[in-house]
């Protein structure tokens, strides 16, 4: 049997996933079932776009529920005491400047399950995070991105 993937995440990240799962199971599932019922009442299902749309949404919701249950079941919580304070690691926020122009960016490195780049949370599987992991303040790092190489200098870790 294949080894299940472990999903490293913070305690807050796991709680967020649990809330989403609860919302999907208690609210969204019922809404979709109601939409299917209403669409069935319109008659011929072979030409019923409302029914098709509701069934597609139901498949998406059920797939997301399965995914979330798997992620929660295989979650590995990153504890604060496990973190070395002076190196970049999962659960840490890292601030770096791009060289040579000096644009400063700050990201928190999280597990793929809770990544949200728009909120400053990047996956530990991302090219930036992979390049920064294990590095210290003052280190200069070459990050391989899909857009090419980027040189950065780590200015703080928290």
Protein backbone atom coordinates (compact mmCIF):
# COMPACT_ATOMS: atom_id res chain seq x y z
CA UNK A 1 0.00 0.00 0.00
CA UNK A 2 1.30 3.47 -0.87
CA UNK A 3 2.58 5.73 1.90
CA UNK A 4 0.10 8.54 2.64
CA UNK A 5 1.45 12.05 2.16
CA UNK A 6 2.06 13.96 5.38
CA UNK A 7 0.79 17.56 5.40
CA UNK A 8 2.93 19.78 7.64
CA UNK A 9 0.95 22.74 8.96
CA UNK A 10 0.54 25.08 11.86
CA UNK A 11 -2.13 24.53 14.49
CA UNK A 12 -4.01 27.58 13.11
CA UNK A 13 -3.80 26.13 9.60
CA UNK A 14 -5.32 22.84 10.72
CA UNK A 15 -8.10 24.67 12.56
CA UNK A 16 -8.88 26.65 9.40
CA UNK A 17 -9.15 23.42 7.38
CA UNK A 18 -11.40 21.89 10.05
CA UNK A 19 -13.69 24.94 9.89
CA UNK A 20 -13.88 24.72 6.09
CA UNK A 21 -14.68 21.00 6.33
CA UNK A 22 -17.43 21.64 8.86
CA UNK A 23 -18.91 24.39 6.63
CA UNK A 24 -18.90 22.10 3.59
CA UNK A 25 -20.50 19.20 5.47
CA UNK A 26 -23.17 21.13 7.36
CA UNK A 27 -24.07 23.99 5.03
CA UNK A 28 -22.79 23.63 1.48
CA UNK A 29 -23.75 19.97 1.08
CA UNK A 30 -27.37 20.75 2.05
CA UNK A 31 -27.48 23.75 -0.31
CA UNK A 32 -26.32 21.62 -3.24
CA UNK A 33 -28.81 18.84 -2.48
CA UNK A 34 -31.57 21.46 -2.41
CA UNK A 35 -30.41 22.85 -5.78
CA UNK A 36 -30.53 19.35 -7.27
CA UNK A 37 -34.05 18.83 -5.93
CA UNK A 38 -35.23 22.10 -7.44
CA UNK A 39 -33.54 21.37 -10.77
CA UNK A 40 -35.17 17.91 -10.92
CA UNK A 41 -38.57 19.53 -10.56
CA UNK A 42 -37.98 21.37 -13.87
CA UNK A 43 -38.53 18.11 -15.77
CA UNK A 44 -36.39 16.48 -18.48
CA UNK A 45 -32.91 16.02 -16.99
CA UNK A 46 -31.22 15.47 -20.36
CA UNK A 47 -31.61 19.14 -21.29
CA UNK A 48 -31.54 20.63 -17.81
CA UNK A 49 -28.50 22.89 -17.35
CA UNK A 50 -29.47 23.75 -13.75
CA UNK A 51 -29.37 20.05 -12.89
CA UNK A 52 -26.01 19.57 -14.64
CA UNK A 53 -24.56 22.59 -12.86
CA UNK A 54 -25.81 21.41 -9.46
CA UNK A 55 -24.40 17.91 -10.02
CA UNK A 56 -21.01 19.40 -11.00
CA UNK A 57 -21.02 21.51 -7.84
CA UNK A 58 -21.93 18.44 -5.80
CA UNK A 59 -18.96 16.56 -7.27
CA UNK A 60 -16.66 19.49 -6.45
CA UNK A 61 -17.94 19.75 -2.85
CA UNK A 62 -17.62 16.00 -2.25
CA UNK A 63 -14.11 16.02 -3.73
CA UNK A 64 -13.08 18.93 -1.51
CA UNK A 65 -14.52 17.18 1.57
CA UNK A 66 -12.48 14.06 0.76
CA UNK A 67 -9.33 16.15 0.22
CA UNK A 68 -9.78 18.06 3.49
CA UNK A 69 -10.47 14.88 5.47
CA UNK A 70 -7.26 13.36 4.09
CA UNK A 71 -5.22 16.50 4.84
CA UNK A 72 -6.55 16.72 8.40
CA UNK A 73 -6.03 13.00 9.03
CA UNK A 74 -2.42 13.22 7.81
CA UNK A 75 -1.60 16.60 9.34
CA UNK A 76 1.70 17.03 11.15
CA UNK A 77 1.51 20.06 13.41
CA UNK A 78 4.65 22.19 13.52
CA UNK A 79 5.27 23.06 17.15
CA UNK A 80 6.94 26.34 18.09
CA UNK A 81 9.51 24.54 20.29
CA UNK A 82 10.57 22.39 17.29
CA UNK A 83 11.71 25.51 15.49
CA UNK A 84 15.33 26.65 15.61
CA UNK A 85 15.05 30.41 16.00
CA UNK A 86 17.94 31.44 13.78
CA UNK A 87 17.34 29.34 10.64
CA UNK A 88 14.59 29.45 8.04
CA UNK A 89 12.18 26.56 8.56
CA UNK A 90 8.53 25.60 8.29
CA UNK A 91 6.31 27.90 10.33
CA UNK A 92 8.80 30.79 10.26
CA UNK A 93 8.43 34.22 8.70
CA UNK A 94 11.41 35.29 6.65
CA UNK A 95 12.17 38.76 5.32
CA UNK A 96 14.62 39.15 2.47
CA UNK A 97 15.70 41.80 0.02
CA UNK A 98 16.11 41.16 -3.66
CA UNK A 99 19.59 41.91 -4.90
CA UNK A 100 20.67 44.28 -6.34
CA UNK A 101 17.56 46.55 -6.30
CA UNK A 102 16.62 46.02 -2.64
CA UNK A 103 12.89 45.20 -2.86
CA UNK A 104 11.97 43.78 0.55
CA UNK A 105 9.54 40.88 0.86
CA UNK A 106 8.27 38.90 3.84
CA UNK A 107 6.73 35.43 3.68
CA UNK A 108 5.69 32.82 6.20
CA UNK A 109 6.67 29.32 5.14
CA UNK A 110 3.80 26.91 5.68
CA UNK A 111 2.75 23.48 4.49
CA UNK A 112 1.12 23.23 1.08
CA UNK A 113 -2.29 22.77 2.71
CA UNK A 114 -2.36 26.30 4.11
CA UNK A 115 -0.38 28.19 1.47
CA UNK A 116 -1.91 31.52 0.44
CA UNK A 117 0.58 33.73 -1.42
CA UNK A 118 -1.82 36.70 -1.36
CA UNK A 119 -1.71 36.51 2.44
CA UNK A 120 2.09 36.17 2.53
CA UNK A 121 2.05 32.40 3.18
CA UNK A 122 4.10 30.30 0.77
CA UNK A 123 4.29 26.53 0.53
CA UNK A 124 7.39 24.73 1.73
CA UNK A 125 7.32 23.09 -1.73
CA UNK A 126 7.65 26.44 -3.56
CA UNK A 127 10.96 27.34 -5.23
CA UNK A 128 11.51 30.32 -2.89
CA UNK A 129 10.89 28.31 0.29
CA UNK A 130 13.01 25.38 -0.88
CA UNK A 131 15.91 27.73 -1.55
CA UNK A 132 15.59 29.53 1.81
CA UNK A 133 15.11 26.51 4.09
CA UNK A 134 17.99 26.03 6.53
CA UNK A 135 19.56 29.43 5.76
CA UNK A 136 20.38 32.12 8.35
CA UNK A 137 20.13 35.92 8.61
CA UNK A 138 22.74 37.52 6.37
CA UNK A 139 22.91 34.58 3.94
CA UNK A 140 22.72 35.41 0.25
CA UNK A 141 20.71 32.85 -1.68
CA UNK A 142 20.10 32.17 -5.36
CA UNK A 143 16.45 31.23 -5.86
CA UNK A 144 15.52 29.30 -9.01
CA UNK A 145 12.05 30.45 -10.11
CA UNK A 146 10.06 29.69 -13.26
CA UNK A 147 10.90 33.26 -14.33
CA UNK A 148 14.65 32.76 -13.87
CA UNK A 149 17.17 33.23 -11.09
CA UNK A 150 16.59 35.67 -8.25
CA UNK A 151 19.31 36.67 -5.79
CA UNK A 152 18.15 37.52 -2.27
CA UNK A 153 19.69 38.34 1.10
CA UNK A 154 17.92 37.24 4.29
CA UNK A 155 17.45 40.19 6.66
CA UNK A 156 15.30 38.65 9.41
CA UNK A 157 13.68 35.44 10.60
CA UNK A 158 10.86 35.33 13.14
